[in-house]
Amino acid sequence: MVKQLLLIIVFAALVVGLLGGLFIWNEVNFPLSKTSQPATFAVSKNEGAGDIGSHLKTQGLIRNAFAFEMYSRIKRSEAKFVDGVYTLDKNMTIRDIYTVLVSNTAAPETSITLIEGWTAKDMANYLAEQGIISAEDFIAAASVHDSRSIISDKTYPFLTDRSTAATLEGYLFPDTYRVFKTTTASQIVEKMLDNFGNKFTDQMKADAANGNMTIYQIVTLASIIEKEVRTDADRKIAAGIFYDRINQGVALQSDATVNYVTGKQALQPTADDLSVDSPYNTYKYKGLPPGPICNPSLSSIMAAVYPTKTDYFYFLTKPDGTTVFSRTYDEHLENKQKYLQ
């Protein structure tokens, strides 16, 4: 009886093994589709067969992640996957895909650093200089009014309170990113919006709302602070001054917004500069300008959400970049005479 039971168990194991082998063979040798549908696929450093198989399945390039992992282990080459970006196709078998991913045909990865306070145009010029993408392509991607027109599979709730005419300026989060030479403008913008979403936390959103500020208003104010003030503490003081001016119905009088209109980098705009008729000229028009004047750092965004209340009402930036605060207009004029003449 025991002998018969053992024979049954062995036979069952052989059948299961045979069926499993046939299943793996079928998955490895038959593509997901007979129709060509090319797609880019990225392999990150130190990713193994399990991770890669899962990503291939998620991206719709294979039917079964386990089959890819098992085939990789049978080939004993899991450690040979080369990180980078590959061009794959839904009409490729797992065998074909595996062969490509252990080859040396990946597009090389590179690092880009987008500076705090840069505009979309600044970023576009930098990316063109680095040979990543053309300036025109990046400007086109950053200028969309609806992010879904370039990133169809995602929505970004933090973009919903913008005006319908607003671009993505202000939300292109400045940071260092790893990209591939085949990366598109839309993919770079996606990375930046994802980063913004991670940095601008739910608590910050709630605190901004408690201060009767939309995310768009916070980003707009933060962009002015970014251009005006350098240190974290001074940025919070400057934010407090701007809020006091808004609440008292006094113009912000930000030189940075005037420079945005004129294209200059003047510490002290001229009388002609100050007379330019633009809604971004915060000497002529009270309140916030229509939108962000650059892409601010997290420090400036935090300052806009969490300002420091003081009795200062004026400030200026010295040629060395430090900030001088004043309580009265006369004191402010004295500081201008002292530091900017």
C-alpha atoms as a PDB file:
ATOM      1  CA  MET A   1       0.000   0.000   0.000  1.00  0.00           C
ATOM      2  CA  VAL A   2       2.810   2.405   0.967  1.00  0.00           C
ATOM      3  CA  LYS A   3       4.662   1.465  -2.204  1.00  0.00           C
ATOM      4  CA  GLN A   4       1.615   2.205  -4.329  1.00  0.00           C
ATOM      5  CA  LEU A   5       1.141   5.569  -2.592  1.00  0.00           C
ATOM      6  CA  LEU A   6       4.749   6.493  -3.273  1.00  0.00           C
ATOM      7  CA  LEU A   7       4.333   5.561  -6.924  1.00  0.00           C
ATOM      8  CA  ILE A   8       1.235   7.742  -7.152  1.00  0.00           C
ATOM      9  CA  ILE A   9       3.082  10.683  -5.548  1.00  0.00           C
ATOM     10  CA  VAL A  10       6.055  10.269  -7.883  1.00  0.00           C
ATOM     11  CA  PHE A  11       3.758   9.991 -10.900  1.00  0.00           C
ATOM     12  CA  ALA A  12       1.798  13.076  -9.820  1.00  0.00           C
ATOM     13  CA  ALA A  13       5.031  15.016  -9.337  1.00  0.00           C
ATOM     14  CA  LEU A  14       6.195  13.992 -12.805  1.00  0.00           C
ATOM     15  CA  VAL A  15       2.899  15.087 -14.317  1.00  0.00           C
ATOM     16  CA  VAL A  16       2.999  18.448 -12.478  1.00  0.00           C
ATOM     17  CA  GLY A  17       6.611  18.924 -13.505  1.00  0.00           C
ATOM     18  CA  LEU A  18       5.823  18.073 -17.111  1.00  0.00           C
ATOM     19  CA  LEU A  19       2.839  20.414 -17.188  1.00  0.00           C
ATOM     20  CA  GLY A  20       4.873  23.146 -15.518  1.00  0.00           C
ATOM     21  CA  GLY A  21       7.662  22.654 -18.025  1.00  0.00           C
ATOM     22  CA  LEU A  22       5.201  22.800 -20.934  1.00  0.00           C
ATOM     23  CA  PHE A  23       3.686  25.972 -19.467  1.00  0.00           C
ATOM     24  CA  ILE A  24       7.092  27.659 -19.137  1.00  0.00           C
ATOM     25  CA  TRP A  25       8.067  26.506 -22.636  1.00  0.00           C
ATOM     26  CA  ASN A  26       4.852  27.925 -24.046  1.00  0.00           C
ATOM     27  CA  GLU A  27       5.254  31.261 -22.248  1.00  0.00           C
ATOM     28  CA  VAL A  28       8.913  31.558 -23.260  1.00  0.00           C
ATOM     29  CA  ASN A  29       8.445  30.750 -26.939  1.00  0.00           C
ATOM     30  CA  PHE A  30       5.168  32.436 -27.865  1.00  0.00           C
ATOM     31  CA  PRO A  31       4.905  36.248 -27.903  1.00  0.00           C
ATOM     32  CA  LEU A  32       2.163  38.267 -26.285  1.00  0.00           C
ATOM     33  CA  SER A  33       1.038  39.531 -29.681  1.00  0.00           C
ATOM     34  CA  LYS A  34       1.695  38.779 -33.346  1.00  0.00           C
ATOM     35  CA  THR A  35       1.314  42.479 -34.113  1.00  0.00           C
ATOM     36  CA  SER A  36       4.308  44.782 -33.745  1.00  0.00           C
ATOM     37  CA  GLN A  37       3.870  47.312 -30.918  1.00  0.00           C
ATOM     38  CA  PRO A  38       7.293  48.802 -30.041  1.00  0.00           C
ATOM     39  CA  ALA A  39       7.885  50.154 -26.535  1.00  0.00           C
ATOM     40  CA  THR A  40      10.807  51.451 -24.519  1.00  0.00           C
ATOM     41  CA  PHE A  41      11.733  49.470 -21.416  1.00  0.00           C
ATOM     42  CA  ALA A  42      14.136  50.548 -18.669  1.00  0.00           C
ATOM     43  CA  VAL A  43      16.274  48.238 -16.536  1.00  0.00           C
ATOM     44  CA  SER A  44      17.613  49.862 -13.390  1.00  0.00           C
ATOM     45  CA  LYS A  45      20.930  49.033 -11.770  1.00  0.00           C
ATOM     46  CA  ASN A  46      20.927  45.873  -9.604  1.00  0.00           C
ATOM     47  CA  GLU A  47      17.457  44.776 -10.743  1.00  0.00           C
ATOM     48  CA  GLY A  48      17.033  40.999 -10.830  1.00  0.00           C
ATOM     49  CA  ALA A  49      14.920  38.659 -12.918  1.00  0.00           C
ATOM     50  CA  GLY A  50      11.943  38.877 -10.551  1.00  0.00           C
ATOM     51  CA  ASP A  51      11.777  42.674 -10.655  1.00  0.00           C
ATOM     52  CA  ILE A  52      12.355  42.827 -14.405  1.00  0.00           C
ATOM     53  CA  GLY A  53       9.732  40.152 -15.093  1.00  0.00           C
ATOM     54  CA  SER A  54       7.197  42.041 -12.970  1.00  0.00           C
ATOM     55  CA  HIS A  55       7.901  45.290 -14.816  1.00  0.00           C
ATOM     56  CA  LEU A  56       7.663  43.560 -18.199  1.00  0.00           C
ATOM     57  CA  LYS A  57       4.268  42.163 -17.197  1.00  0.00           C
ATOM     58  CA  THR A  58       3.056  45.545 -15.892  1.00  0.00           C
ATOM     59  CA  GLN A  59       4.116  47.242 -19.101  1.00  0.00           C
ATOM     60  CA  GLY A  60       2.231  44.663 -21.137  1.00  0.00           C
ATOM     61  CA  LEU A  61       5.249  43.123 -22.867  1.00  0.00           C
ATOM     62  CA  ILE A  62       4.878  39.553 -21.525  1.00  0.00           C
ATOM     63  CA  ARG A  63       2.031  37.442 -20.160  1.00  0.00           C
ATOM     64  CA  ASN A  64       3.742  35.905 -17.171  1.00  0.00           C
ATOM     65  CA  ALA A  65       6.439  37.375 -14.911  1.00  0.00           C
ATOM     66  CA  PHE A  66       7.196  33.998 -13.289  1.00  0.00           C
ATOM     67  CA  ALA A  67       7.982  32.462 -16.680  1.00  0.00           C
ATOM     68  CA  PHE A  68      10.529  35.208 -17.357  1.00  0.00           C
ATOM     69  CA  GLU A  69      12.116  34.711 -13.941  1.00  0.00           C
ATOM     70  CA  MET A  70      12.316  30.922 -14.346  1.00  0.00           C
ATOM     71  CA  TYR A  71      13.771  31.177 -17.851  1.00  0.00           C
ATOM     72  CA  SER A  72      16.396  33.619 -16.560  1.00  0.00           C
ATOM     73  CA  ARG A  73      17.366  31.245 -13.758  1.00  0.00           C
ATOM     74  CA  ILE A  74      17.574  28.299 -16.169  1.00  0.00           C
ATOM     75  CA  LYS A  75      19.930  30.369 -18.296  1.00  0.00           C
ATOM     76  CA  ARG A  76      21.944  31.157 -15.121  1.00  0.00           C
ATOM     77  CA  SER A  77      22.503  34.733 -16.308  1.00  0.00           C
ATOM     78  CA  GLU A  78      20.446  36.815 -13.889  1.00  0.00           C
ATOM     79  CA  ALA A  79      23.522  38.828 -12.897  1.00  0.00           C
ATOM     80  CA  LYS A  80      24.200  39.727 -16.516  1.00  0.00           C
ATOM     81  CA  PHE A  81      21.263  42.074 -17.060  1.00  0.00           C
ATOM     82  CA  VAL A  82      22.592  45.394 -18.344  1.00  0.00           C
ATOM     83  CA  ASP A  83      20.900  48.526 -16.946  1.00  0.00           C
ATOM     84  CA  GLY A  84      19.643  51.059 -19.448  1.00  0.00           C
ATOM     85  CA  VAL A  85      16.759  51.672 -21.835  1.00  0.00           C
ATOM     86  CA  TYR A  86      15.861  49.122 -24.512  1.00  0.00           C
ATOM     87  CA  THR A  87      13.491  49.074 -27.443  1.00  0.00           C
ATOM     88  CA  LEU A  88      11.280  46.003 -27.097  1.00  0.00           C
ATOM     89  CA  ASP A  89       8.147  44.849 -28.903  1.00  0.00           C
ATOM     90  CA  LYS A  90       4.994  42.974 -27.922  1.00  0.00           C
ATOM     91  CA  ASN A  91       5.661  40.512 -30.740  1.00  0.00           C
ATOM     92  CA  MET A  92       8.910  39.412 -29.056  1.00  0.00           C
ATOM     93  CA  THR A  93       9.039  36.190 -27.053  1.00  0.00           C
ATOM     94  CA  ILE A  94      10.452  35.980 -23.535  1.00  0.00           C
ATOM     95  CA  ARG A  95      13.467  34.277 -25.099  1.00  0.00           C
ATOM     96  CA  ASP A  96      13.927  37.245 -27.454  1.00  0.00           C
ATOM     97  CA  ILE A  97      13.449  39.801 -24.684  1.00  0.00           C
ATOM     98  CA  TYR A  98      15.883  38.016 -22.399  1.00  0.00           C
ATOM     99  CA  THR A  99      18.500  37.985 -25.163  1.00  0.00           C
ATOM    100  CA  VAL A 100      18.142  41.740 -25.636  1.00  0.00           C
ATOM    101  CA  LEU A 101      18.277  42.542 -21.906  1.00  0.00           C
ATOM    102  CA  VAL A 102      21.564  40.674 -21.401  1.00  0.00           C
ATOM    103  CA  SER A 103      23.080  42.330 -24.472  1.00  0.00           C
ATOM    104  CA  ASN A 104      25.010  45.586 -24.475  1.00  0.00           C
ATOM    105  CA  THR A 105      22.525  47.516 -26.591  1.00  0.00           C
ATOM    106  CA  ALA A 106      21.018  49.673 -23.843  1.00  0.00           C
ATOM    107  CA  ALA A 107      20.964  53.421 -24.200  1.00  0.00           C
ATOM    108  CA  PRO A 108      23.455  54.942 -21.715  1.00  0.00           C
ATOM    109  CA  GLU A 109      22.073  56.620 -18.600  1.00  0.00           C
ATOM    110  CA  THR A 110      23.194  60.121 -17.643  1.00  0.00           C
ATOM    111  CA  SER A 111      22.597  62.626 -14.848  1.00  0.00           C
ATOM    112  CA  ILE A 112      20.980  66.034 -15.305  1.00  0.00           C
ATOM    113  CA  THR A 113      20.777  68.791 -12.691  1.00  0.00           C
ATOM    114  CA  LEU A 114      18.009  71.348 -13.036  1.00  0.00           C
ATOM    115  CA  ILE A 115      18.713  74.389 -10.878  1.00  0.00           C
ATOM    116  CA  GLU A 116      16.306  75.937  -8.367  1.00  0.00           C
ATOM    117  CA  GLY A 117      14.882  79.149  -9.747  1.00  0.00           C
ATOM    118  CA  TRP A 118      15.264  78.206 -13.392  1.00  0.00           C
ATOM    119  CA  THR A 119      12.394  78.865 -15.770  1.00  0.00           C
ATOM    120  CA  ALA A 120      11.185  76.257 -18.255  1.00  0.00           C
ATOM    121  CA  LYS A 121      13.190  78.116 -20.896  1.00  0.00           C
ATOM    122  CA  ASP A 122      16.367  77.876 -18.785  1.00  0.00           C
ATOM    123  CA  MET A 123      15.785  74.148 -18.365  1.00  0.00           C
ATOM    124  CA  ALA A 124      15.131  73.713 -22.075  1.00  0.00           C
ATOM    125  CA  ASN A 125      18.390  75.421 -23.011  1.00  0.00           C
ATOM    126  CA  TYR A 126      20.331  73.303 -20.502  1.00  0.00           C
ATOM    127  CA  LEU A 127      18.839  70.031 -21.754  1.00  0.00           C
ATOM    128  CA  ALA A 128      19.674  71.000 -25.333  1.00  0.00           C
ATOM    129  CA  GLU A 129      23.258  71.846 -24.343  1.00  0.00           C
ATOM    130  CA  GLN A 130      23.558  68.429 -22.656  1.00  0.00           C
ATOM    131  CA  GLY A 131      22.355  66.749 -25.831  1.00  0.00           C
ATOM    132  CA  ILE A 132      19.351  65.173 -24.111  1.00  0.00           C
ATOM    133  CA  ILE A 133      16.475  66.705 -26.099  1.00  0.00           C
ATOM    134  CA  SER A 134      15.882  69.829 -28.160  1.00  0.00           C
ATOM    135  CA  ALA A 135      14.906  73.034 -26.385  1.00  0.00           C
ATOM    136  CA  GLU A 136      11.807  73.249 -28.558  1.00  0.00           C
ATOM    137  CA  ASP A 137      10.600  69.791 -27.524  1.00  0.00           C
ATOM    138  CA  PHE A 138      10.965  70.565 -23.830  1.00  0.00           C
ATOM    139  CA  ILE A 139       9.261  73.962 -24.121  1.00  0.00           C
ATOM    140  CA  ALA A 140       6.371  72.303 -25.957  1.00  0.00           C
ATOM    141  CA  ALA A 141       5.969  69.675 -23.215  1.00  0.00           C
ATOM    142  CA  ALA A 142       6.272  72.226 -20.374  1.00  0.00           C
ATOM    143  CA  SER A 143       3.792  74.608 -22.012  1.00  0.00           C
ATOM    144  CA  VAL A 144       0.781  72.314 -22.050  1.00  0.00           C
ATOM    145  CA  HIS A 145      -2.299  73.401 -20.133  1.00  0.00           C
ATOM    146  CA  ASP A 146      -3.444  69.841 -19.419  1.00  0.00           C
ATOM    147  CA  SER A 147      -0.722  67.390 -18.342  1.00  0.00           C
ATOM    148  CA  ARG A 148      -2.808  64.494 -19.687  1.00  0.00           C
ATOM    149  CA  SER A 149      -2.023  65.638 -23.219  1.00  0.00           C
ATOM    150  CA  ILE A 150       1.577  64.466 -22.703  1.00  0.00           C
ATOM    151  CA  ILE A 151       1.181  62.000 -19.797  1.00  0.00           C
ATOM    152  CA  SER A 152      -1.987  60.133 -20.651  1.00  0.00           C
ATOM    153  CA  ASP A 153      -1.930  57.522 -17.889  1.00  0.00           C
ATOM    154  CA  LYS A 154      -1.611  59.875 -14.897  1.00  0.00           C
ATOM    155  CA  THR A 155      -3.407  62.760 -13.263  1.00  0.00           C
ATOM    156  CA  TYR A 156      -1.882  65.300 -10.895  1.00  0.00           C
ATOM    157  CA  PRO A 157      -4.437  66.702  -8.423  1.00  0.00           C
ATOM    158  CA  PHE A 158      -2.083  69.531  -7.435  1.00  0.00           C
ATOM    159  CA  LEU A 159      -2.491  70.991 -10.930  1.00  0.00           C
ATOM    160  CA  THR A 160      -6.268  71.307 -10.787  1.00  0.00           C
ATOM    161  CA  ASP A 161      -6.480  74.755  -9.163  1.00  0.00           C
ATOM    162  CA  ARG A 162      -4.476  76.513 -11.879  1.00  0.00           C
ATOM    163  CA  SER A 163      -6.040  78.865 -14.360  1.00  0.00           C
ATOM    164  CA  THR A 164      -6.993  77.228 -17.653  1.00  0.00           C
ATOM    165  CA  ALA A 165      -4.291  79.244 -19.429  1.00  0.00           C
ATOM    166  CA  ALA A 166      -1.501  78.185 -17.062  1.00  0.00           C
ATOM    167  CA  THR A 167       1.441  76.092 -18.235  1.00  0.00           C
ATOM    168  CA  LEU A 168       3.494  73.746 -16.037  1.00  0.00           C
ATOM    169  CA  GLU A 169       5.868  76.569 -15.033  1.00  0.00           C
ATOM    170  CA  GLY A 170       6.396  76.427 -11.276  1.00  0.00           C
ATOM    171  CA  TYR A 171       5.755  72.682 -11.001  1.00  0.00           C
ATOM    172  CA  LEU A 172       8.875  71.518 -12.868  1.00  0.00           C
ATOM    173  CA  PHE A 173      10.613  70.510  -9.680  1.00  0.00           C
ATOM    174  CA  PRO A 174      14.332  71.403  -9.752  1.00  0.00           C
ATOM    175  CA  ASP A 175      16.516  68.460  -8.777  1.00  0.00           C
ATOM    176  CA  THR A 176      19.082  65.973 -10.090  1.00  0.00           C
ATOM    177  CA  TYR A 177      17.561  63.252 -12.259  1.00  0.00           C
ATOM    178  CA  ARG A 178      18.879  60.127 -13.949  1.00  0.00           C
ATOM    179  CA  VAL A 179      17.731  59.923 -17.565  1.00  0.00           C
ATOM    180  CA  PHE A 180      18.636  58.041 -20.698  1.00  0.00           C
ATOM    181  CA  LYS A 181      19.719  59.475 -24.013  1.00  0.00           C
ATOM    182  CA  THR A 182      16.448  58.190 -25.467  1.00  0.00           C
ATOM    183  CA  THR A 183      14.334  59.929 -22.807  1.00  0.00           C
ATOM    184  CA  THR A 184      11.623  62.154 -24.255  1.00  0.00           C
ATOM    185  CA  ALA A 185      10.608  65.636 -23.124  1.00  0.00           C
ATOM    186  CA  SER A 186       7.318  64.242 -21.796  1.00  0.00           C
ATOM    187  CA  GLN A 187       9.168  61.643 -19.707  1.00  0.00           C
ATOM    188  CA  ILE A 188      11.399  64.312 -18.162  1.00  0.00           C
ATOM    189  CA  VAL A 189       8.380  66.478 -17.348  1.00  0.00           C
ATOM    190  CA  GLU A 190       6.707  63.403 -15.833  1.00  0.00           C
ATOM    191  CA  LYS A 191       9.695  62.820 -13.549  1.00  0.00           C
ATOM    192  CA  MET A 192       9.548  66.439 -12.407  1.00  0.00           C
ATOM    193  CA  LEU A 193       5.807  66.427 -11.745  1.00  0.00           C
ATOM    194  CA  ASP A 194       6.111  63.120  -9.866  1.00  0.00           C
ATOM    195  CA  ASN A 195       8.845  64.698  -7.739  1.00  0.00           C
ATOM    196  CA  PHE A 196       6.733  67.775  -7.045  1.00  0.00           C
ATOM    197  CA  GLY A 197       3.869  65.545  -5.964  1.00  0.00           C
ATOM    198  CA  ASN A 198       6.136  63.695  -3.552  1.00  0.00           C
ATOM    199  CA  LYS A 199       7.666  66.865  -2.096  1.00  0.00           C
ATOM    200  CA  PHE A 200       4.412  68.823  -1.681  1.00  0.00           C
ATOM    201  CA  THR A 201       2.905  66.680   1.057  1.00  0.00           C
ATOM    202  CA  ASP A 202      -0.729  66.269   2.076  1.00  0.00           C
ATOM    203  CA  GLN A 203       0.052  68.137   5.309  1.00  0.00           C
ATOM    204  CA  MET A 204       1.439  71.073   3.322  1.00  0.00           C
ATOM    205  CA  LYS A 205      -1.696  71.083   1.160  1.00  0.00           C
ATOM    206  CA  ALA A 206      -3.877  71.138   4.262  1.00  0.00           C
ATOM    207  CA  ASP A 207      -1.849  73.918   5.876  1.00  0.00           C
ATOM    208  CA  ALA A 208      -1.942  75.985   2.690  1.00  0.00           C
ATOM    209  CA  ALA A 209      -5.722  75.566   2.527  1.00  0.00           C
ATOM    210  CA  ASN A 210      -6.017  76.611   6.177  1.00  0.00           C
ATOM    211  CA  GLY A 211      -4.226  79.802   5.185  1.00  0.00           C
ATOM    212  CA  ASN A 212      -6.758  80.349   2.381  1.00  0.00           C
ATOM    213  CA  MET A 213      -4.101  79.730  -0.268  1.00  0.00           C
ATOM    214  CA  THR A 214      -4.421  77.447  -3.276  1.00  0.00           C
ATOM    215  CA  ILE A 215      -1.451  75.356  -4.361  1.00  0.00           C
ATOM    216  CA  TYR A 216      -1.140  77.570  -7.451  1.00  0.00           C
ATOM    217  CA  GLN A 217      -0.947  80.687  -5.276  1.00  0.00           C
ATOM    218  CA  ILE A 218       1.638  79.017  -3.043  1.00  0.00           C
ATOM    219  CA  VAL A 219       3.778  78.069  -6.042  1.00  0.00           C
ATOM    220  CA  THR A 220       3.449  81.568  -7.508  1.00  0.00           C
ATOM    221  CA  LEU A 221       4.506  83.218  -4.242  1.00  0.00           C
ATOM    222  CA  ALA A 222       7.293  80.665  -3.777  1.00  0.00           C
ATOM    223  CA  SER A 223       8.655  81.489  -7.226  1.00  0.00           C
ATOM    224  CA  ILE A 224       8.976  85.168  -6.237  1.00  0.00           C
ATOM    225  CA  ILE A 225      10.626  84.255  -2.936  1.00  0.00           C
ATOM    226  CA  GLU A 226      13.052  81.983  -4.809  1.00  0.00           C
ATOM    227  CA  LYS A 227      14.248  84.869  -6.963  1.00  0.00           C
ATOM    228  CA  GLU A 228      14.390  87.392  -4.124  1.00  0.00           C
ATOM    229  CA  VAL A 229      15.952  85.645  -1.119  1.00  0.00           C
ATOM    230  CA  ARG A 230      18.665  83.024  -0.569  1.00  0.00           C
ATOM    231  CA  THR A 231      18.491  81.483   2.917  1.00  0.00           C
ATOM    232  CA  ASP A 232      15.718  79.381   4.439  1.00  0.00           C
ATOM    233  CA  ALA A 233      15.167  81.703   7.414  1.00  0.00           C
ATOM    234  CA  ASP A 234      15.165  84.881   5.302  1.00  0.00           C
ATOM    235  CA  ARG A 235      12.749  83.320   2.847  1.00  0.00           C
ATOM    236  CA  LYS A 236      10.227  82.736   5.611  1.00  0.00           C
ATOM    237  CA  ILE A 237      10.593  86.348   6.790  1.00  0.00           C
ATOM    238  CA  ALA A 238      10.166  87.628   3.223  1.00  0.00           C
ATOM    239  CA  ALA A 239       7.074  85.423   2.853  1.00  0.00           C
ATOM    240  CA  GLY A 240       5.632  87.004   6.006  1.00  0.00           C
ATOM    241  CA  ILE A 241       6.224  90.464   4.533  1.00  0.00           C
ATOM    242  CA  PHE A 242       4.509  89.527   1.270  1.00  0.00           C
ATOM    243  CA  TYR A 243       1.501  88.153   3.142  1.00  0.00           C
ATOM    244  CA  ASP A 244       1.254  91.361   5.207  1.00  0.00           C
ATOM    245  CA  ARG A 245       1.352  93.429   2.019  1.00  0.00           C
ATOM    246  CA  ILE A 246      -1.351  91.325   0.374  1.00  0.00           C
ATOM    247  CA  ASN A 247      -3.583  91.509   3.456  1.00  0.00           C
ATOM    248  CA  GLN A 248      -3.135  95.283   3.724  1.00  0.00           C
ATOM    249  CA  GLY A 249      -3.767  95.873   0.044  1.00  0.00           C
ATOM    250  CA  VAL A 250      -0.214  97.105  -0.590  1.00  0.00           C
ATOM    251  CA  ALA A 251       1.628  96.160  -3.794  1.00  0.00           C
ATOM    252  CA  LEU A 252       4.274  93.453  -3.382  1.00  0.00           C
ATOM    253  CA  GLN A 253       6.833  95.629  -5.220  1.00  0.00           C
ATOM    254  CA  SER A 254       9.012  92.643  -6.097  1.00  0.00           C
ATOM    255  CA  ASP A 255      11.995  93.475  -8.308  1.00  0.00           C
ATOM    256  CA  ALA A 256      12.062  89.826  -9.366  1.00  0.00           C
ATOM    257  CA  THR A 257       8.681  90.126 -11.057  1.00  0.00           C
ATOM    258  CA  VAL A 258       9.834  93.238 -12.922  1.00  0.00           C
ATOM    259  CA  ASN A 259      12.978  91.409 -14.044  1.00  0.00           C
ATOM    260  CA  TYR A 260      10.729  88.581 -15.259  1.00  0.00           C
ATOM    261  CA  VAL A 261       8.979  91.067 -17.539  1.00  0.00           C
ATOM    262  CA  THR A 262      12.111  92.885 -18.756  1.00  0.00           C
ATOM    263  CA  GLY A 263      14.376  89.835 -18.938  1.00  0.00           C
ATOM    264  CA  LYS A 264      17.012  91.640 -16.839  1.00  0.00           C
ATOM    265  CA  GLN A 265      18.745  90.551 -13.640  1.00  0.00           C
ATOM    266  CA  ALA A 266      18.861  93.999 -12.036  1.00  0.00           C
ATOM    267  CA  LEU A 267      19.247  94.414  -8.281  1.00  0.00           C
ATOM    268  CA  GLN A 268      17.412  97.705  -8.671  1.00  0.00           C
ATOM    269  CA  PRO A 269      15.147  98.125 -11.718  1.00  0.00           C
ATOM    270  CA  THR A 270      15.121 101.498 -13.454  1.00  0.00           C
ATOM    271  CA  ALA A 271      12.180 103.887 -13.518  1.00  0.00           C
ATOM    272  CA  ASP A 272      11.449 102.739 -17.071  1.00  0.00           C
ATOM    273  CA  ASP A 273      11.450  99.124 -15.925  1.00  0.00           C
ATOM    274  CA  LEU A 274       9.006  99.901 -13.134  1.00  0.00           C
ATOM    275  CA  SER A 275       6.635 101.613 -15.547  1.00  0.00           C
ATOM    276  CA  VAL A 276       6.239  98.583 -17.819  1.00  0.00           C
ATOM    277  CA  ASP A 277       2.561  97.715 -18.070  1.00  0.00           C
ATOM    278  CA  SER A 278       2.349  94.006 -17.322  1.00  0.00           C
ATOM    279  CA  PRO A 279       0.250  92.018 -14.823  1.00  0.00           C
ATOM    280  CA  TYR A 280       3.585  90.586 -13.662  1.00  0.00           C
ATOM    281  CA  ASN A 281       4.773  94.066 -12.646  1.00  0.00           C
ATOM    282  CA  THR A 282       3.956  93.960  -8.940  1.00  0.00           C
ATOM    283  CA  TYR A 283       4.830  97.630  -8.570  1.00  0.00           C
ATOM    284  CA  LYS A 284       1.851  98.552 -10.772  1.00  0.00           C
ATOM    285  CA  TYR A 285      -0.558  95.768  -9.826  1.00  0.00           C
ATOM    286  CA  LYS A 286      -1.436  94.635  -6.309  1.00  0.00           C
ATOM    287  CA  GLY A 287      -1.541  91.026  -5.213  1.00  0.00           C
ATOM    288  CA  LEU A 288       0.140  88.036  -6.777  1.00  0.00           C
ATOM    289  CA  PRO A 289       1.053  88.007 -10.480  1.00  0.00           C
ATOM    290  CA  PRO A 290      -0.907  85.704 -12.826  1.00  0.00           C
ATOM    291  CA  GLY A 291       1.434  82.761 -12.289  1.00  0.00           C
ATOM    292  CA  PRO A 292       4.897  81.536 -11.251  1.00  0.00           C
ATOM    293  CA  ILE A 293       7.963  83.366 -12.555  1.00  0.00           C
ATOM    294  CA  CYS A 294      10.257  80.339 -12.136  1.00  0.00           C
ATOM    295  CA  ASN A 295      10.356  76.826 -10.708  1.00  0.00           C
ATOM    296  CA  PRO A 296      10.997  77.227  -6.972  1.00  0.00           C
ATOM    297  CA  SER A 297      12.892  75.063  -4.514  1.00  0.00           C
ATOM    298  CA  LEU A 298      11.271  73.159  -1.673  1.00  0.00           C
ATOM    299  CA  SER A 299      12.767  75.779   0.680  1.00  0.00           C
ATOM    300  CA  SER A 300      10.829  78.587  -1.017  1.00  0.00           C
ATOM    301  CA  ILE A 301       7.645  76.508  -1.168  1.00  0.00           C
ATOM    302  CA  MET A 302       7.957  75.776   2.554  1.00  0.00           C
ATOM    303  CA  ALA A 303       8.430  79.504   3.202  1.00  0.00           C
ATOM    304  CA  ALA A 304       5.232  80.276   1.298  1.00  0.00           C
ATOM    305  CA  VAL A 305       3.318  77.676   3.315  1.00  0.00           C
ATOM    306  CA  TYR A 306       4.958  78.467   6.663  1.00  0.00           C
ATOM    307  CA  PRO A 307       5.893  82.187   6.742  1.00  0.00           C
ATOM    308  CA  THR A 308       7.525  83.891   9.709  1.00  0.00           C
ATOM    309  CA  LYS A 309       5.513  86.755  11.187  1.00  0.00           C
ATOM    310  CA  THR A 310       7.627  89.851  11.987  1.00  0.00           C
ATOM    311  CA  ASP A 311       7.169  93.619  12.123  1.00  0.00           C
ATOM    312  CA  TYR A 312       9.276  94.057   8.972  1.00  0.00           C
ATOM    313  CA  PHE A 313       7.535  95.504   5.934  1.00  0.00           C
ATOM    314  CA  TYR A 314      10.413  96.024   3.476  1.00  0.00           C
ATOM    315  CA  PHE A 315      13.544  94.196   2.365  1.00  0.00           C
ATOM    316  CA  LEU A 316      16.284  94.424  -0.228  1.00  0.00           C
ATOM    317  CA  THR A 317      18.998  92.154  -1.539  1.00  0.00           C
ATOM    318  CA  LYS A 318      22.586  93.364  -1.292  1.00  0.00           C
ATOM    319  CA  PRO A 319      25.060  92.716  -4.152  1.00  0.00           C
ATOM    320  CA  ASP A 320      26.549  89.825  -2.134  1.00  0.00           C
ATOM    321  CA  GLY A 321      23.135  88.141  -2.020  1.00  0.00           C
ATOM    322  CA  THR A 322      22.328  88.779   1.643  1.00  0.00           C
ATOM    323  CA  THR A 323      18.970  90.234   2.651  1.00  0.00           C
ATOM    324  CA  VAL A 324      18.425  93.426   4.650  1.00  0.00           C
ATOM    325  CA  PHE A 325      15.025  93.916   6.296  1.00  0.00           C
ATOM    326  CA  SER A 326      13.415  97.200   7.318  1.00  0.00           C
ATOM    327  CA  ARG A 327      10.433  98.137   9.453  1.00  0.00           C
ATOM    328  CA  THR A 328       9.737 101.573   7.966  1.00  0.00           C
ATOM    329  CA  TYR A 329       9.967 103.114   4.511  1.00  0.00           C
ATOM    330  CA  ASP A 330      12.525 105.644   5.709  1.00  0.00           C
ATOM    331  CA  GLU A 331      14.696 102.847   7.061  1.00  0.00           C
ATOM    332  CA  HIS A 332      14.304 101.028   3.740  1.00  0.00           C
ATOM    333  CA  LEU A 333      15.420 104.140   1.808  1.00  0.00           C
ATOM    334  CA  GLU A 334      18.463 104.446   4.081  1.00  0.00           C
ATOM    335  CA  ASN A 335      19.368 100.817   3.379  1.00  0.00           C
ATOM    336  CA  LYS A 336      18.974 101.355  -0.368  1.00  0.00           C
ATOM    337  CA  GLN A 337      21.273 104.363  -0.157  1.00  0.00           C
ATOM    338  CA  LYS A 338      23.748 102.379   1.907  1.00  0.00           C
ATOM    339  CA  TYR A 339      23.827  99.112  -0.023  1.00  0.00           C
ATOM    340  CA  LEU A 340      22.597  99.753  -3.572  1.00  0.00           C
ATOM    341  CA  GLN A 341      24.046 103.165  -4.537  1.00  0.00           C
END
